[in-house]
Amino acid sequence: MQHNLFTHPTEAVITFDENGKYIVEDLIEAQNLMDVLDDLDYDTNIIDKALKYKIEESDHISNEEKRALLGKLYLYLSENSYLKTIQAIDERN
């Protein structure tokens, strides 16, 4: 499957009532980066392990910086790649 790394953006289905109040009825999140790479037939386990190994074995950053960077790496690879979405769907005025 051909794909770009930006994937489709997160989509929301929103309805409005006669008073202008809106409700987010459905939220369709974009794919995360690892899912996109998997769709392109990359071995995401190898990519994940290689990136983590390079960080953990680095002599150029402290252990505290390594922990922070590993946390960021997890977020960047596991969150959707286009727009960050909210965790809850709620009704707002």
C-alpha atoms as a PDB file:
ATOM      1  CA  MET A   1       0.000   0.000   0.000  1.00  0.00           C
ATOM      2  CA  GLN A   2       1.394   3.412  -0.937  1.00  0.00           C
ATOM      3  CA  HIS A   3       1.236   5.924   1.846  1.00  0.00           C
ATOM      4  CA  ASN A   4       2.630   9.248   2.919  1.00  0.00           C
ATOM      5  CA  LEU A   5       3.832   9.744   6.459  1.00  0.00           C
ATOM      6  CA  PHE A   6       1.290  12.456   7.110  1.00  0.00           C
ATOM      7  CA  THR A   7      -1.712  10.113   6.690  1.00  0.00           C
ATOM      8  CA  HIS A   8      -5.191  11.564   6.894  1.00  0.00           C
ATOM      9  CA  PRO A   9      -5.876  14.131   9.610  1.00  0.00           C
ATOM     10  CA  THR A  10      -7.975  13.330  12.622  1.00  0.00           C
ATOM     11  CA  GLU A  11     -11.632  13.758  11.711  1.00  0.00           C
ATOM     12  CA  ALA A  12     -14.601  14.761  13.852  1.00  0.00           C
ATOM     13  CA  VAL A  13     -18.336  14.510  13.194  1.00  0.00           C
ATOM     14  CA  ILE A  14     -19.996  17.535  14.792  1.00  0.00           C
ATOM     15  CA  THR A  15     -23.698  18.393  14.925  1.00  0.00           C
ATOM     16  CA  PHE A  16     -25.297  21.707  15.890  1.00  0.00           C
ATOM     17  CA  ASP A  17     -28.724  22.235  17.408  1.00  0.00           C
ATOM     18  CA  GLU A  18     -31.027  25.215  16.783  1.00  0.00           C
ATOM     19  CA  ASN A  19     -29.440  27.086  19.720  1.00  0.00           C
ATOM     20  CA  GLY A  20     -25.931  26.848  18.289  1.00  0.00           C
ATOM     21  CA  LYS A  21     -24.846  24.250  20.816  1.00  0.00           C
ATOM     22  CA  TYR A  22     -22.644  21.561  19.309  1.00  0.00           C
ATOM     23  CA  ILE A  23     -21.906  17.948  20.058  1.00  0.00           C
ATOM     24  CA  VAL A  24     -18.864  15.992  18.913  1.00  0.00           C
ATOM     25  CA  GLU A  25     -20.532  12.744  17.894  1.00  0.00           C
ATOM     26  CA  ASP A  26     -17.617  10.788  16.523  1.00  0.00           C
ATOM     27  CA  LEU A  27     -13.842  11.125  16.452  1.00  0.00           C
ATOM     28  CA  ILE A  28     -11.748   9.234  13.904  1.00  0.00           C
ATOM     29  CA  GLU A  29      -8.087   9.478  14.809  1.00  0.00           C
ATOM     30  CA  ALA A  30      -5.271   9.533  12.280  1.00  0.00           C
ATOM     31  CA  GLN A  31      -2.859   6.592  12.197  1.00  0.00           C
ATOM     32  CA  ASN A  32       0.216   6.747  14.383  1.00  0.00           C
ATOM     33  CA  LEU A  33       3.652   6.729  12.816  1.00  0.00           C
ATOM     34  CA  MET A  34       4.355   3.059  13.558  1.00  0.00           C
ATOM     35  CA  ASP A  35       1.085   2.009  11.894  1.00  0.00           C
ATOM     36  CA  VAL A  36       1.984   4.026   8.790  1.00  0.00           C
ATOM     37  CA  LEU A  37       5.421   2.390   8.617  1.00  0.00           C
ATOM     38  CA  ASP A  38       3.823  -1.024   9.148  1.00  0.00           C
ATOM     39  CA  ASP A  39       1.460  -0.313   6.217  1.00  0.00           C
ATOM     40  CA  LEU A  40       4.580   0.331   4.119  1.00  0.00           C
ATOM     41  CA  ASP A  41       5.903  -3.118   5.140  1.00  0.00           C
ATOM     42  CA  TYR A  42       8.689  -1.836   7.388  1.00  0.00           C
ATOM     43  CA  ASP A  43       9.536  -4.043  10.348  1.00  0.00           C
ATOM     44  CA  THR A  44       8.454  -1.680  13.101  1.00  0.00           C
ATOM     45  CA  ASN A  45       9.867  -3.926  15.837  1.00  0.00           C
ATOM     46  CA  ILE A  46      13.348  -3.546  14.366  1.00  0.00           C
ATOM     47  CA  ILE A  47      12.918   0.220  14.004  1.00  0.00           C
ATOM     48  CA  ASP A  48      11.671   0.554  17.591  1.00  0.00           C
ATOM     49  CA  LYS A  49      14.462  -1.604  19.046  1.00  0.00           C
ATOM     50  CA  ALA A  50      17.185   0.121  16.990  1.00  0.00           C
ATOM     51  CA  LEU A  51      16.106   3.604  18.056  1.00  0.00           C
ATOM     52  CA  LYS A  52      15.890   2.587  21.722  1.00  0.00           C
ATOM     53  CA  TYR A  53      19.276   0.840  21.577  1.00  0.00           C
ATOM     54  CA  LYS A  54      20.969   3.894  20.038  1.00  0.00           C
ATOM     55  CA  ILE A  55      19.590   6.109  22.792  1.00  0.00           C
ATOM     56  CA  GLU A  56      20.397   3.694  25.632  1.00  0.00           C
ATOM     57  CA  GLU A  57      23.966   3.099  24.409  1.00  0.00           C
ATOM     58  CA  SER A  58      24.781   6.744  23.728  1.00  0.00           C
ATOM     59  CA  ASP A  59      27.791   8.220  25.535  1.00  0.00           C
ATOM     60  CA  HIS A  60      26.737  11.768  24.617  1.00  0.00           C
ATOM     61  CA  ILE A  61      23.761  12.227  26.951  1.00  0.00           C
ATOM     62  CA  SER A  62      23.128  11.579  30.641  1.00  0.00           C
ATOM     63  CA  ASN A  63      20.895   8.811  31.997  1.00  0.00           C
ATOM     64  CA  GLU A  64      18.269  11.423  32.888  1.00  0.00           C
ATOM     65  CA  GLU A  65      18.328  12.750  29.314  1.00  0.00           C
ATOM     66  CA  LYS A  66      18.081   9.191  28.007  1.00  0.00           C
ATOM     67  CA  ARG A  67      14.956   8.530  30.087  1.00  0.00           C
ATOM     68  CA  ALA A  68      13.375  11.775  28.890  1.00  0.00           C
ATOM     69  CA  LEU A  69      14.247  11.037  25.270  1.00  0.00           C
ATOM     70  CA  LEU A  70      12.912   7.471  25.483  1.00  0.00           C
ATOM     71  CA  GLY A  71       9.644   8.867  26.856  1.00  0.00           C
ATOM     72  CA  LYS A  72       9.393  11.347  23.983  1.00  0.00           C
ATOM     73  CA  LEU A  73      10.227   8.616  21.469  1.00  0.00           C
ATOM     74  CA  TYR A  74       7.381   6.482  22.801  1.00  0.00           C
ATOM     75  CA  LEU A  75       4.948   9.382  22.460  1.00  0.00           C
ATOM     76  CA  TYR A  76       6.110  10.334  18.964  1.00  0.00           C
ATOM     77  CA  LEU A  77       5.843   6.778  17.676  1.00  0.00           C
ATOM     78  CA  SER A  78       2.587   5.822  19.365  1.00  0.00           C
ATOM     79  CA  GLU A  79       0.469   8.963  19.052  1.00  0.00           C
ATOM     80  CA  ASN A  80      -1.256   9.811  15.827  1.00  0.00           C
ATOM     81  CA  SER A  81       1.074  11.550  13.456  1.00  0.00           C
ATOM     82  CA  TYR A  82      -0.971  14.443  12.146  1.00  0.00           C
ATOM     83  CA  LEU A  83      -2.995  16.166  14.835  1.00  0.00           C
ATOM     84  CA  LYS A  84      -3.086  15.436  18.512  1.00  0.00           C
ATOM     85  CA  THR A  85      -6.623  14.656  19.624  1.00  0.00           C
ATOM     86  CA  ILE A  86      -8.421  15.056  22.888  1.00  0.00           C
ATOM     87  CA  GLN A  87      -8.940  12.059  25.111  1.00  0.00           C
ATOM     88  CA  ALA A  88     -12.639  12.586  25.740  1.00  0.00           C
ATOM     89  CA  ILE A  89     -15.515  13.601  23.550  1.00  0.00           C
ATOM     90  CA  ASP A  90     -17.709  16.070  25.360  1.00  0.00           C
ATOM     91  CA  GLU A  91     -20.514  18.546  24.795  1.00  0.00           C
ATOM     92  CA  ARG A  92     -19.562  22.226  24.829  1.00  0.00           C
ATOM     93  CA  ASN A  93     -21.325  25.561  24.399  1.00  0.00           C
END
